[in-house]
């Protein structure tokens, strides 16, 4: 059984509720119920669902937990499971044989290839060979900080030879995925949480949920407004963790997703220099043009993909892309704390 317990508030995750009273009127008021999980996607998940009573909430959380477990295992690149073929199974069989997979993986990879085109290659799930090197060095630094090193560039350049997403072979008829080169690896970390959160949100809607907020490690997705008819309010975290100001803006959400990629999330230090986890596909190094990039749109998978892609673009290029996409807004935080916002962001900000 996964760890689960009720939660009194969401302040630590910058969800600003301002009270959780039910709605008024003749219909039975909805009550807010909260739950936390710590076992999925290697992160902290909090969920608030408005329901008529505990029994209805328990039914919703059964759907929630079942799907969190499913997508966590399905998109896992580090562990195998006896009862399913997942992303790691595909990587393990690179250069050997096609792997038959669930339709959800086929859909994820189709979406990933689409976002690769939209972002000009700045979001590439075929970068696993490069990202795995950075992961190993980050893990080594976590275990032995005194031995922390930066990966040699020649090692990264060699791995980059095997990041061509055009080599990825997906057979929809046979439901198979094949990496034809042994050194190729998929890494869906840039989209997995957002995509899974979006799919789970869809399933909760289908089950009858009319008001909810899911926060899967900073990937926020909302269903409707709060049960009292007010917008959900979520704080955009300040990437400067040394500041006393925890969040920079408060955003109103109603059937919207909010995802932030930042330098403060996963990193290690070498000789006083911070190396975060967002690796630029052109330089093969962490990109330090921003402290964070936040994306606001109706699709959590797209928000996740764009937050990584735009983080790896020059400001003028990122702004041009965001302004070209309908229903998508962004907030850039520069290293000096300066904020840059897309043209439509102000409509969603709380003064």
C-alpha atoms as a PDB file:
ATOM      1  CA  UNK A   1       0.000   0.000   0.000  1.00  0.00           C
ATOM      2  CA  UNK A   2       1.374   3.420  -0.896  1.00  0.00           C
ATOM      3  CA  UNK A   3       1.858   6.116   1.711  1.00  0.00           C
ATOM      4  CA  UNK A   4      -1.273   8.228   1.980  1.00  0.00           C
ATOM      5  CA  UNK A   5      -2.652  10.543   4.605  1.00  0.00           C
ATOM      6  CA  UNK A   6      -5.036  13.449   4.919  1.00  0.00           C
ATOM      7  CA  UNK A   7      -3.559  16.931   4.712  1.00  0.00           C
ATOM      8  CA  UNK A   8      -4.698  20.052   6.478  1.00  0.00           C
ATOM      9  CA  UNK A   9      -3.351  22.628   4.019  1.00  0.00           C
ATOM     10  CA  UNK A  10      -1.339  23.068   0.854  1.00  0.00           C
ATOM     11  CA  UNK A  11       0.753  26.063   1.906  1.00  0.00           C
ATOM     12  CA  UNK A  12       4.062  24.260   1.447  1.00  0.00           C
ATOM     13  CA  UNK A  13       3.218  23.800  -2.220  1.00  0.00           C
ATOM     14  CA  UNK A  14       2.164  27.417  -2.663  1.00  0.00           C
ATOM     15  CA  UNK A  15      -1.490  26.615  -3.267  1.00  0.00           C
ATOM     16  CA  UNK A  16      -3.306  29.586  -1.808  1.00  0.00           C
ATOM     17  CA  UNK A  17      -6.845  28.552  -0.999  1.00  0.00           C
ATOM     18  CA  UNK A  18      -8.042  31.299   1.324  1.00  0.00           C
ATOM     19  CA  UNK A  19     -10.573  28.985   2.965  1.00  0.00           C
ATOM     20  CA  UNK A  20     -12.323  25.855   1.793  1.00  0.00           C
ATOM     21  CA  UNK A  21     -15.973  26.538   2.445  1.00  0.00           C
ATOM     22  CA  UNK A  22     -18.611  24.757   0.372  1.00  0.00           C
ATOM     23  CA  UNK A  23     -20.858  26.445  -2.157  1.00  0.00           C
ATOM     24  CA  UNK A  24     -24.188  27.928  -1.154  1.00  0.00           C
ATOM     25  CA  UNK A  25     -27.630  27.124  -2.529  1.00  0.00           C
ATOM     26  CA  UNK A  26     -30.158  24.337  -2.341  1.00  0.00           C
ATOM     27  CA  UNK A  27     -27.776  21.635  -3.527  1.00  0.00           C
ATOM     28  CA  UNK A  28     -25.697  19.853  -0.926  1.00  0.00           C
ATOM     29  CA  UNK A  29     -22.478  21.852  -0.401  1.00  0.00           C
ATOM     30  CA  UNK A  30     -19.316  20.194  -1.628  1.00  0.00           C
ATOM     31  CA  UNK A  31     -16.613  19.591   0.943  1.00  0.00           C
ATOM     32  CA  UNK A  32     -12.876  19.800   0.281  1.00  0.00           C
ATOM     33  CA  UNK A  33     -10.856  16.637   0.942  1.00  0.00           C
ATOM     34  CA  UNK A  34      -7.069  16.419   0.711  1.00  0.00           C
ATOM     35  CA  UNK A  35      -4.605  13.600   0.215  1.00  0.00           C
ATOM     36  CA  UNK A  36      -0.838  13.291  -0.185  1.00  0.00           C
ATOM     37  CA  UNK A  37       1.407  10.703  -1.816  1.00  0.00           C
ATOM     38  CA  UNK A  38       5.184  10.370  -1.767  1.00  0.00           C
ATOM     39  CA  UNK A  39       5.708   7.273  -3.924  1.00  0.00           C
ATOM     40  CA  UNK A  40       5.046   8.406  -7.474  1.00  0.00           C
ATOM     41  CA  UNK A  41       7.334  10.018 -10.054  1.00  0.00           C
ATOM     42  CA  UNK A  42       9.989  10.394  -7.329  1.00  0.00           C
ATOM     43  CA  UNK A  43       8.228  13.479  -6.053  1.00  0.00           C
ATOM     44  CA  UNK A  44       5.636  14.836  -3.651  1.00  0.00           C
ATOM     45  CA  UNK A  45       2.009  14.773  -4.790  1.00  0.00           C
ATOM     46  CA  UNK A  46      -0.876  16.651  -3.177  1.00  0.00           C
ATOM     47  CA  UNK A  47      -4.474  16.558  -4.337  1.00  0.00           C
ATOM     48  CA  UNK A  48      -7.579  18.472  -3.250  1.00  0.00           C
ATOM     49  CA  UNK A  49     -10.937  17.179  -4.447  1.00  0.00           C
ATOM     50  CA  UNK A  50     -14.340  18.628  -3.627  1.00  0.00           C
ATOM     51  CA  UNK A  51     -16.861  15.867  -2.991  1.00  0.00           C
ATOM     52  CA  UNK A  52     -20.264  15.391  -1.383  1.00  0.00           C
ATOM     53  CA  UNK A  53     -18.899  13.193   1.381  1.00  0.00           C
ATOM     54  CA  UNK A  54     -16.065  10.913   2.461  1.00  0.00           C
ATOM     55  CA  UNK A  55     -17.474   7.929   0.574  1.00  0.00           C
ATOM     56  CA  UNK A  56     -17.540   9.792  -2.724  1.00  0.00           C
ATOM     57  CA  UNK A  57     -14.039  11.130  -2.081  1.00  0.00           C
ATOM     58  CA  UNK A  58     -12.739   7.628  -1.354  1.00  0.00           C
ATOM     59  CA  UNK A  59     -14.113   6.491  -4.715  1.00  0.00           C
ATOM     60  CA  UNK A  60     -12.286   9.328  -6.456  1.00  0.00           C
ATOM     61  CA  UNK A  61      -9.009   8.628  -4.647  1.00  0.00           C
ATOM     62  CA  UNK A  62      -9.195   4.984  -5.667  1.00  0.00           C
ATOM     63  CA  UNK A  63      -9.153   6.133  -9.307  1.00  0.00           C
ATOM     64  CA  UNK A  64      -6.458   8.687  -8.517  1.00  0.00           C
ATOM     65  CA  UNK A  65      -4.074   6.296  -6.789  1.00  0.00           C
ATOM     66  CA  UNK A  66      -4.602   3.481  -9.274  1.00  0.00           C
ATOM     67  CA  UNK A  67      -3.638   5.778 -12.143  1.00  0.00           C
ATOM     68  CA  UNK A  68      -0.731   7.445 -10.350  1.00  0.00           C
ATOM     69  CA  UNK A  69       0.701   3.971  -9.779  1.00  0.00           C
ATOM     70  CA  UNK A  70       0.042   2.940 -13.387  1.00  0.00           C
ATOM     71  CA  UNK A  71       1.650   5.941 -15.064  1.00  0.00           C
ATOM     72  CA  UNK A  72       4.534   6.007 -12.597  1.00  0.00           C
ATOM     73  CA  UNK A  73       5.441   2.455 -13.531  1.00  0.00           C
ATOM     74  CA  UNK A  74       4.656   2.809 -17.230  1.00  0.00           C
ATOM     75  CA  UNK A  75       6.923   5.845 -17.759  1.00  0.00           C
ATOM     76  CA  UNK A  76       9.688   4.645 -15.427  1.00  0.00           C
ATOM     77  CA  UNK A  77      13.164   4.622 -17.013  1.00  0.00           C
ATOM     78  CA  UNK A  78      14.982   3.115 -14.024  1.00  0.00           C
ATOM     79  CA  UNK A  79      12.956   0.066 -12.958  1.00  0.00           C
ATOM     80  CA  UNK A  80      11.409  -3.001 -14.591  1.00  0.00           C
ATOM     81  CA  UNK A  81       8.072  -4.539 -13.596  1.00  0.00           C
ATOM     82  CA  UNK A  82       7.007  -8.128 -14.164  1.00  0.00           C
ATOM     83  CA  UNK A  83       3.485  -7.266 -15.265  1.00  0.00           C
ATOM     84  CA  UNK A  84       4.206  -4.601 -17.892  1.00  0.00           C
ATOM     85  CA  UNK A  85       6.575  -3.401 -20.583  1.00  0.00           C
ATOM     86  CA  UNK A  86       7.529   0.180 -19.806  1.00  0.00           C
ATOM     87  CA  UNK A  87       9.972   2.816 -21.061  1.00  0.00           C
ATOM     88  CA  UNK A  88      12.890   0.986 -19.425  1.00  0.00           C
ATOM     89  CA  UNK A  89      11.883  -2.206 -21.236  1.00  0.00           C
ATOM     90  CA  UNK A  90      12.167  -0.305 -24.529  1.00  0.00           C
ATOM     91  CA  UNK A  91      15.605   1.012 -23.552  1.00  0.00           C
ATOM     92  CA  UNK A  92      16.764  -2.432 -22.419  1.00  0.00           C
ATOM     93  CA  UNK A  93      15.898  -3.837 -25.848  1.00  0.00           C
ATOM     94  CA  UNK A  94      17.519  -1.092 -27.923  1.00  0.00           C
ATOM     95  CA  UNK A  95      19.254  -2.643 -30.902  1.00  0.00           C
ATOM     96  CA  UNK A  96      17.741  -6.027 -30.046  1.00  0.00           C
ATOM     97  CA  UNK A  97      14.006  -6.236 -30.696  1.00  0.00           C
ATOM     98  CA  UNK A  98      10.798  -4.182 -30.864  1.00  0.00           C
ATOM     99  CA  UNK A  99       8.825  -4.098 -27.614  1.00  0.00           C
ATOM    100  CA  UNK A 100       5.062  -4.426 -27.461  1.00  0.00           C
ATOM    101  CA  UNK A 101       3.620  -1.730 -25.205  1.00  0.00           C
ATOM    102  CA  UNK A 102       0.357  -0.258 -23.924  1.00  0.00           C
ATOM    103  CA  UNK A 103      -1.432   2.289 -26.093  1.00  0.00           C
ATOM    104  CA  UNK A 104      -0.599   4.938 -23.497  1.00  0.00           C
ATOM    105  CA  UNK A 105       3.104   4.703 -24.379  1.00  0.00           C
ATOM    106  CA  UNK A 106       2.324   4.937 -28.084  1.00  0.00           C
ATOM    107  CA  UNK A 107       0.208   8.030 -27.414  1.00  0.00           C
ATOM    108  CA  UNK A 108       2.916   9.578 -25.238  1.00  0.00           C
ATOM    109  CA  UNK A 109       5.576   9.092 -27.914  1.00  0.00           C
ATOM    110  CA  UNK A 110       3.308  10.473 -30.631  1.00  0.00           C
ATOM    111  CA  UNK A 111       2.733  13.526 -28.457  1.00  0.00           C
ATOM    112  CA  UNK A 112       6.474  13.811 -27.772  1.00  0.00           C
ATOM    113  CA  UNK A 113       7.317  13.759 -31.477  1.00  0.00           C
ATOM    114  CA  UNK A 114       4.711  16.449 -32.098  1.00  0.00           C
ATOM    115  CA  UNK A 115       6.187  18.671 -29.369  1.00  0.00           C
ATOM    116  CA  UNK A 116       9.674  18.037 -30.746  1.00  0.00           C
ATOM    117  CA  UNK A 117       8.527  19.603 -34.020  1.00  0.00           C
ATOM    118  CA  UNK A 118       6.725  22.494 -32.333  1.00  0.00           C
ATOM    119  CA  UNK A 119       9.770  23.363 -30.197  1.00  0.00           C
ATOM    120  CA  UNK A 120      12.374  22.963 -32.909  1.00  0.00           C
ATOM    121  CA  UNK A 121      13.955  20.004 -31.110  1.00  0.00           C
ATOM    122  CA  UNK A 122      14.326  21.744 -27.752  1.00  0.00           C
ATOM    123  CA  UNK A 123      12.205  19.014 -26.122  1.00  0.00           C
ATOM    124  CA  UNK A 124      13.590  15.663 -27.205  1.00  0.00           C
ATOM    125  CA  UNK A 125      12.667  12.394 -25.456  1.00  0.00           C
ATOM    126  CA  UNK A 126      15.448  10.664 -27.414  1.00  0.00           C
ATOM    127  CA  UNK A 127      18.133  12.487 -25.384  1.00  0.00           C
ATOM    128  CA  UNK A 128      18.338   9.629 -22.901  1.00  0.00           C
ATOM    129  CA  UNK A 129      21.944   8.767 -23.722  1.00  0.00           C
ATOM    130  CA  UNK A 130      23.059  12.287 -22.745  1.00  0.00           C
ATOM    131  CA  UNK A 131      20.691  12.743 -19.819  1.00  0.00           C
ATOM    132  CA  UNK A 132      21.701   9.414 -18.298  1.00  0.00           C
ATOM    133  CA  UNK A 133      25.297  10.630 -18.069  1.00  0.00           C
ATOM    134  CA  UNK A 134      24.223  13.771 -16.227  1.00  0.00           C
ATOM    135  CA  UNK A 135      21.988  11.674 -13.988  1.00  0.00           C
ATOM    136  CA  UNK A 136      24.875   9.387 -13.042  1.00  0.00           C
ATOM    137  CA  UNK A 137      27.175  12.303 -12.222  1.00  0.00           C
ATOM    138  CA  UNK A 138      24.416  13.995 -10.201  1.00  0.00           C
ATOM    139  CA  UNK A 139      23.798  10.778  -8.255  1.00  0.00           C
ATOM    140  CA  UNK A 140      27.517  10.381  -7.604  1.00  0.00           C
ATOM    141  CA  UNK A 141      27.675  13.954  -6.308  1.00  0.00           C
ATOM    142  CA  UNK A 142      24.685  13.304  -4.053  1.00  0.00           C
ATOM    143  CA  UNK A 143      26.376  10.277  -2.512  1.00  0.00           C
ATOM    144  CA  UNK A 144      29.868  11.792  -2.332  1.00  0.00           C
ATOM    145  CA  UNK A 145      29.795  15.607  -2.660  1.00  0.00           C
ATOM    146  CA  UNK A 146      33.564  15.797  -2.346  1.00  0.00           C
ATOM    147  CA  UNK A 147      33.872  13.711  -5.537  1.00  0.00           C
ATOM    148  CA  UNK A 148      31.427  15.829  -7.560  1.00  0.00           C
ATOM    149  CA  UNK A 149      32.494  16.298 -11.176  1.00  0.00           C
ATOM    150  CA  UNK A 150      31.157  17.678 -14.440  1.00  0.00           C
ATOM    151  CA  UNK A 151      30.812  15.047 -17.192  1.00  0.00           C
ATOM    152  CA  UNK A 152      33.640  15.260 -19.753  1.00  0.00           C
ATOM    153  CA  UNK A 153      32.463  16.991 -22.910  1.00  0.00           C
ATOM    154  CA  UNK A 154      33.849  14.261 -25.159  1.00  0.00           C
ATOM    155  CA  UNK A 155      31.661  11.728 -23.313  1.00  0.00           C
ATOM    156  CA  UNK A 156      28.592  13.932 -23.830  1.00  0.00           C
ATOM    157  CA  UNK A 157      29.393  14.538 -27.499  1.00  0.00           C
ATOM    158  CA  UNK A 158      29.751  10.800 -28.109  1.00  0.00           C
ATOM    159  CA  UNK A 159      26.395  10.126 -26.425  1.00  0.00           C
ATOM    160  CA  UNK A 160      24.771  12.889 -28.470  1.00  0.00           C
ATOM    161  CA  UNK A 161      25.330  10.821 -31.616  1.00  0.00           C
ATOM    162  CA  UNK A 162      22.428   8.633 -30.484  1.00  0.00           C
ATOM    163  CA  UNK A 163      19.741  11.260 -29.828  1.00  0.00           C
ATOM    164  CA  UNK A 164      18.058  11.402 -33.228  1.00  0.00           C
ATOM    165  CA  UNK A 165      14.325  11.100 -32.542  1.00  0.00           C
ATOM    166  CA  UNK A 166      13.887  10.275 -36.224  1.00  0.00           C
ATOM    167  CA  UNK A 167      15.417   6.874 -35.453  1.00  0.00           C
ATOM    168  CA  UNK A 168      12.573   6.052 -33.076  1.00  0.00           C
ATOM    169  CA  UNK A 169      10.359   3.381 -34.642  1.00  0.00           C
ATOM    170  CA  UNK A 170       6.724   3.199 -33.544  1.00  0.00           C
ATOM    171  CA  UNK A 171       4.453   0.603 -35.122  1.00  0.00           C
ATOM    172  CA  UNK A 172       0.855   1.488 -34.244  1.00  0.00           C
ATOM    173  CA  UNK A 173      -0.507  -1.681 -35.871  1.00  0.00           C
ATOM    174  CA  UNK A 174       1.723  -4.020 -33.888  1.00  0.00           C
ATOM    175  CA  UNK A 175       1.769  -1.724 -30.812  1.00  0.00           C
ATOM    176  CA  UNK A 176       5.549  -1.855 -30.716  1.00  0.00           C
ATOM    177  CA  UNK A 177       8.381   0.589 -30.091  1.00  0.00           C
ATOM    178  CA  UNK A 178      11.942  -0.032 -31.259  1.00  0.00           C
ATOM    179  CA  UNK A 179      15.217   1.802 -30.792  1.00  0.00           C
ATOM    180  CA  UNK A 180      17.376   0.459 -33.646  1.00  0.00           C
ATOM    181  CA  UNK A 181      20.711   1.492 -32.133  1.00  0.00           C
ATOM    182  CA  UNK A 182      21.988  -0.119 -28.931  1.00  0.00           C
ATOM    183  CA  UNK A 183      23.221   3.181 -27.498  1.00  0.00           C
ATOM    184  CA  UNK A 184      19.842   4.942 -27.882  1.00  0.00           C
ATOM    185  CA  UNK A 185      17.745   5.648 -24.793  1.00  0.00           C
ATOM    186  CA  UNK A 186      14.416   7.313 -24.187  1.00  0.00           C
ATOM    187  CA  UNK A 187      14.025   9.751 -21.304  1.00  0.00           C
ATOM    188  CA  UNK A 188      10.492  11.078 -20.906  1.00  0.00           C
ATOM    189  CA  UNK A 189      11.237  13.107 -17.780  1.00  0.00           C
ATOM    190  CA  UNK A 190      10.445  16.381 -19.538  1.00  0.00           C
ATOM    191  CA  UNK A 191       6.849  15.383 -20.245  1.00  0.00           C
ATOM    192  CA  UNK A 192       5.905  12.333 -18.147  1.00  0.00           C
ATOM    193  CA  UNK A 193       4.557  14.095 -15.054  1.00  0.00           C
ATOM    194  CA  UNK A 194       2.573  16.662 -17.012  1.00  0.00           C
ATOM    195  CA  UNK A 195       1.214  14.101 -19.446  1.00  0.00           C
ATOM    196  CA  UNK A 196       0.239  11.687 -16.658  1.00  0.00           C
ATOM    197  CA  UNK A 197      -1.342  14.458 -14.600  1.00  0.00           C
ATOM    198  CA  UNK A 198      -3.404  15.520 -17.600  1.00  0.00           C
ATOM    199  CA  UNK A 199      -4.584  11.962 -18.256  1.00  0.00           C
ATOM    200  CA  UNK A 200      -5.460  11.407 -14.589  1.00  0.00           C
ATOM    201  CA  UNK A 201      -7.338  14.700 -14.516  1.00  0.00           C
ATOM    202  CA  UNK A 202      -9.319  13.566 -17.560  1.00  0.00           C
ATOM    203  CA  UNK A 203     -10.205  10.292 -15.832  1.00  0.00           C
ATOM    204  CA  UNK A 204     -11.362  12.117 -12.695  1.00  0.00           C
ATOM    205  CA  UNK A 205     -13.592  14.351 -14.817  1.00  0.00           C
ATOM    206  CA  UNK A 206     -15.073  11.261 -16.446  1.00  0.00           C
ATOM    207  CA  UNK A 207     -15.757   9.859 -12.965  1.00  0.00           C
ATOM    208  CA  UNK A 208     -17.774  12.952 -12.079  1.00  0.00           C
ATOM    209  CA  UNK A 209     -15.258  15.243 -10.347  1.00  0.00           C
ATOM    210  CA  UNK A 210     -16.206  18.883 -10.937  1.00  0.00           C
ATOM    211  CA  UNK A 211     -13.680  20.609  -8.691  1.00  0.00           C
ATOM    212  CA  UNK A 212     -10.123  19.486  -7.963  1.00  0.00           C
ATOM    213  CA  UNK A 213      -6.500  20.526  -7.881  1.00  0.00           C
ATOM    214  CA  UNK A 214      -3.657  18.087  -8.540  1.00  0.00           C
ATOM    215  CA  UNK A 215      -0.055  19.018  -7.788  1.00  0.00           C
ATOM    216  CA  UNK A 216       2.400  16.334  -8.896  1.00  0.00           C
ATOM    217  CA  UNK A 217       5.805  17.652  -7.998  1.00  0.00           C
ATOM    218  CA  UNK A 218       4.979  21.167  -9.156  1.00  0.00           C
ATOM    219  CA  UNK A 219       2.926  20.096 -12.171  1.00  0.00           C
ATOM    220  CA  UNK A 220      -0.409  21.669 -11.279  1.00  0.00           C
ATOM    221  CA  UNK A 221      -3.683  20.763 -12.978  1.00  0.00           C
ATOM    222  CA  UNK A 222      -7.147  21.960 -12.020  1.00  0.00           C
ATOM    223  CA  UNK A 223     -10.690  20.788 -12.690  1.00  0.00           C
ATOM    224  CA  UNK A 224     -13.126  23.686 -12.758  1.00  0.00           C
ATOM    225  CA  UNK A 225     -13.179  26.225  -9.971  1.00  0.00           C
ATOM    226  CA  UNK A 226     -13.045  25.503  -6.259  1.00  0.00           C
ATOM    227  CA  UNK A 227     -16.175  24.056  -4.704  1.00  0.00           C
ATOM    228  CA  UNK A 228     -17.162  27.504  -3.427  1.00  0.00           C
ATOM    229  CA  UNK A 229     -17.170  28.906  -6.970  1.00  0.00           C
ATOM    230  CA  UNK A 230     -13.904  30.830  -6.636  1.00  0.00           C
ATOM    231  CA  UNK A 231     -10.815  30.364  -8.804  1.00  0.00           C
ATOM    232  CA  UNK A 232      -7.995  28.192  -7.571  1.00  0.00           C
ATOM    233  CA  UNK A 233      -4.984  30.341  -6.679  1.00  0.00           C
ATOM    234  CA  UNK A 234      -1.459  29.008  -7.043  1.00  0.00           C
ATOM    235  CA  UNK A 235       1.799  30.757  -6.268  1.00  0.00           C
ATOM    236  CA  UNK A 236       4.672  30.761  -8.776  1.00  0.00           C
ATOM    237  CA  UNK A 237       7.736  29.829  -6.754  1.00  0.00           C
ATOM    238  CA  UNK A 238      10.671  32.185  -6.500  1.00  0.00           C
ATOM    239  CA  UNK A 239      13.701  30.385  -8.007  1.00  0.00           C
ATOM    240  CA  UNK A 240      15.959  32.322  -5.617  1.00  0.00           C
ATOM    241  CA  UNK A 241      15.755  29.985  -2.647  1.00  0.00           C
ATOM    242  CA  UNK A 242      17.812  32.363  -0.509  1.00  0.00           C
ATOM    243  CA  UNK A 243      15.070  34.990  -0.691  1.00  0.00           C
ATOM    244  CA  UNK A 244      12.462  35.506   2.016  1.00  0.00           C
ATOM    245  CA  UNK A 245       9.877  35.889  -0.749  1.00  0.00           C
ATOM    246  CA  UNK A 246       8.631  32.366  -1.422  1.00  0.00           C
ATOM    247  CA  UNK A 247       6.589  33.137  -4.498  1.00  0.00           C
ATOM    248  CA  UNK A 248       6.644  35.845  -7.161  1.00  0.00           C
ATOM    249  CA  UNK A 249       3.089  35.811  -8.486  1.00  0.00           C
ATOM    250  CA  UNK A 250      -0.280  34.300  -7.683  1.00  0.00           C
ATOM    251  CA  UNK A 251      -2.091  32.789 -10.668  1.00  0.00           C
ATOM    252  CA  UNK A 252      -5.838  32.127 -10.986  1.00  0.00           C
ATOM    253  CA  UNK A 253      -6.618  28.668 -12.367  1.00  0.00           C
ATOM    254  CA  UNK A 254      -9.900  27.322 -13.740  1.00  0.00           C
ATOM    255  CA  UNK A 255      -9.561  24.155 -15.856  1.00  0.00           C
ATOM    256  CA  UNK A 256      -5.929  25.114 -16.411  1.00  0.00           C
ATOM    257  CA  UNK A 257      -2.468  23.629 -15.932  1.00  0.00           C
ATOM    258  CA  UNK A 258       0.594  25.401 -14.540  1.00  0.00           C
ATOM    259  CA  UNK A 259       4.110  23.949 -14.828  1.00  0.00           C
ATOM    260  CA  UNK A 260       7.445  25.493 -13.853  1.00  0.00           C
ATOM    261  CA  UNK A 261      10.943  24.378 -14.819  1.00  0.00           C
ATOM    262  CA  UNK A 262      13.658  25.895 -12.670  1.00  0.00           C
ATOM    263  CA  UNK A 263      17.283  25.723 -11.617  1.00  0.00           C
ATOM    264  CA  UNK A 264      16.289  25.160  -7.980  1.00  0.00           C
ATOM    265  CA  UNK A 265      14.633  21.778  -8.460  1.00  0.00           C
ATOM    266  CA  UNK A 266      17.428  19.236  -9.002  1.00  0.00           C
ATOM    267  CA  UNK A 267      21.076  20.217  -9.048  1.00  0.00           C
ATOM    268  CA  UNK A 268      24.524  19.604  -7.660  1.00  0.00           C
ATOM    269  CA  UNK A 269      27.585  21.789  -7.200  1.00  0.00           C
ATOM    270  CA  UNK A 270      31.169  21.496  -8.399  1.00  0.00           C
ATOM    271  CA  UNK A 271      33.670  24.049  -7.070  1.00  0.00           C
ATOM    272  CA  UNK A 272      30.815  26.327  -6.047  1.00  0.00           C
ATOM    273  CA  UNK A 273      29.091  26.212  -9.450  1.00  0.00           C
ATOM    274  CA  UNK A 274      25.539  24.874  -9.621  1.00  0.00           C
ATOM    275  CA  UNK A 275      24.695  22.347 -12.350  1.00  0.00           C
ATOM    276  CA  UNK A 276      20.936  21.847 -12.608  1.00  0.00           C
ATOM    277  CA  UNK A 277      19.055  19.080 -14.416  1.00  0.00           C
ATOM    278  CA  UNK A 278      17.700  20.956 -17.468  1.00  0.00           C
ATOM    279  CA  UNK A 279      20.186  20.094 -20.203  1.00  0.00           C
ATOM    280  CA  UNK A 280      20.270  22.144 -23.391  1.00  0.00           C
ATOM    281  CA  UNK A 281      20.251  19.840 -26.458  1.00  0.00           C
ATOM    282  CA  UNK A 282      22.589  22.187 -28.347  1.00  0.00           C
ATOM    283  CA  UNK A 283      25.274  22.761 -25.706  1.00  0.00           C
ATOM    284  CA  UNK A 284      24.712  19.446 -23.816  1.00  0.00           C
ATOM    285  CA  UNK A 285      25.117  21.524 -20.654  1.00  0.00           C
ATOM    286  CA  UNK A 286      22.705  23.112 -18.184  1.00  0.00           C
ATOM    287  CA  UNK A 287      21.256  26.302 -19.662  1.00  0.00           C
ATOM    288  CA  UNK A 288      21.566  29.246 -17.279  1.00  0.00           C
ATOM    289  CA  UNK A 289      19.677  32.010 -19.083  1.00  0.00           C
ATOM    290  CA  UNK A 290      16.827  31.811 -16.563  1.00  0.00           C
ATOM    291  CA  UNK A 291      16.053  31.004 -12.958  1.00  0.00           C
ATOM    292  CA  UNK A 292      12.756  29.489 -14.047  1.00  0.00           C
ATOM    293  CA  UNK A 293      10.176  29.338 -16.820  1.00  0.00           C
ATOM    294  CA  UNK A 294       6.480  28.884 -16.017  1.00  0.00           C
ATOM    295  CA  UNK A 295       3.907  27.789 -18.589  1.00  0.00           C
ATOM    296  CA  UNK A 296       0.163  28.250 -18.264  1.00  0.00           C
ATOM    297  CA  UNK A 297      -2.256  26.460 -20.627  1.00  0.00           C
ATOM    298  CA  UNK A 298      -5.122  23.957 -20.669  1.00  0.00           C
ATOM    299  CA  UNK A 299      -3.011  20.838 -21.305  1.00  0.00           C
ATOM    300  CA  UNK A 300      -0.639  19.671 -18.586  1.00  0.00           C
ATOM    301  CA  UNK A 301       1.427  17.578 -20.975  1.00  0.00           C
ATOM    302  CA  UNK A 302       2.001  20.533 -23.272  1.00  0.00           C
ATOM    303  CA  UNK A 303       2.761  22.805 -20.311  1.00  0.00           C
ATOM    304  CA  UNK A 304       5.400  20.336 -19.103  1.00  0.00           C
ATOM    305  CA  UNK A 305       6.984  19.983 -22.548  1.00  0.00           C
ATOM    306  CA  UNK A 306       7.021  23.724 -23.185  1.00  0.00           C
ATOM    307  CA  UNK A 307       8.465  24.600 -19.789  1.00  0.00           C
ATOM    308  CA  UNK A 308      11.554  22.532 -20.624  1.00  0.00           C
ATOM    309  CA  UNK A 309      11.747  23.615 -24.264  1.00  0.00           C
ATOM    310  CA  UNK A 310      11.326  27.338 -23.626  1.00  0.00           C
ATOM    311  CA  UNK A 311      13.838  27.139 -20.770  1.00  0.00           C
ATOM    312  CA  UNK A 312      16.353  26.033 -23.415  1.00  0.00           C
ATOM    313  CA  UNK A 313      15.575  28.866 -25.841  1.00  0.00           C
ATOM    314  CA  UNK A 314      16.867  32.394 -26.043  1.00  0.00           C
ATOM    315  CA  UNK A 315      14.294  34.833 -24.714  1.00  0.00           C
ATOM    316  CA  UNK A 316      13.301  36.285 -28.072  1.00  0.00           C
ATOM    317  CA  UNK A 317      12.832  32.803 -29.542  1.00  0.00           C
ATOM    318  CA  UNK A 318      10.835  31.576 -26.560  1.00  0.00           C
ATOM    319  CA  UNK A 319       8.572  34.629 -26.604  1.00  0.00           C
ATOM    320  CA  UNK A 320       7.967  34.206 -30.326  1.00  0.00           C
ATOM    321  CA  UNK A 321       6.981  30.571 -29.843  1.00  0.00           C
ATOM    322  CA  UNK A 322       4.658  31.253 -26.904  1.00  0.00           C
ATOM    323  CA  UNK A 323       2.921  34.139 -28.675  1.00  0.00           C
ATOM    324  CA  UNK A 324       2.328  31.871 -31.678  1.00  0.00           C
ATOM    325  CA  UNK A 325       0.514  29.228 -29.606  1.00  0.00           C
ATOM    326  CA  UNK A 326      -3.151  29.799 -28.839  1.00  0.00           C
ATOM    327  CA  UNK A 327      -4.090  29.614 -25.175  1.00  0.00           C
ATOM    328  CA  UNK A 328      -0.492  29.406 -23.918  1.00  0.00           C
ATOM    329  CA  UNK A 329       1.172  31.945 -21.617  1.00  0.00           C
ATOM    330  CA  UNK A 330       4.595  32.080 -19.982  1.00  0.00           C
ATOM    331  CA  UNK A 331       6.583  33.802 -17.259  1.00  0.00           C
ATOM    332  CA  UNK A 332      10.373  33.949 -17.473  1.00  0.00           C
ATOM    333  CA  UNK A 333      12.453  34.744 -14.384  1.00  0.00           C
ATOM    334  CA  UNK A 334      15.967  35.890 -15.275  1.00  0.00           C
ATOM    335  CA  UNK A 335      18.982  35.133 -13.043  1.00  0.00           C
ATOM    336  CA  UNK A 336      18.843  38.660 -11.572  1.00  0.00           C
ATOM    337  CA  UNK A 337      15.192  38.211 -10.604  1.00  0.00           C
ATOM    338  CA  UNK A 338      13.749  40.238 -13.480  1.00  0.00           C
ATOM    339  CA  UNK A 339      10.433  38.884 -14.764  1.00  0.00           C
ATOM    340  CA  UNK A 340       9.328  38.756 -18.386  1.00  0.00           C
ATOM    341  CA  UNK A 341       5.729  37.857 -19.185  1.00  0.00           C
ATOM    342  CA  UNK A 342       3.896  36.858 -22.343  1.00  0.00           C
ATOM    343  CA  UNK A 343       1.186  39.221 -23.537  1.00  0.00           C
ATOM    344  CA  UNK A 344      -1.793  37.455 -21.941  1.00  0.00           C
ATOM    345  CA  UNK A 345      -0.425  36.559 -18.513  1.00  0.00           C
ATOM    346  CA  UNK A 346      -1.840  39.561 -16.658  1.00  0.00           C
ATOM    347  CA  UNK A 347      -5.392  38.303 -17.106  1.00  0.00           C
ATOM    348  CA  UNK A 348      -4.541  35.335 -14.880  1.00  0.00           C
ATOM    349  CA  UNK A 349      -2.583  37.135 -12.161  1.00  0.00           C
ATOM    350  CA  UNK A 350      -3.980  38.084  -8.779  1.00  0.00           C
ATOM    351  CA  UNK A 351      -2.996  41.600  -7.774  1.00  0.00           C
END
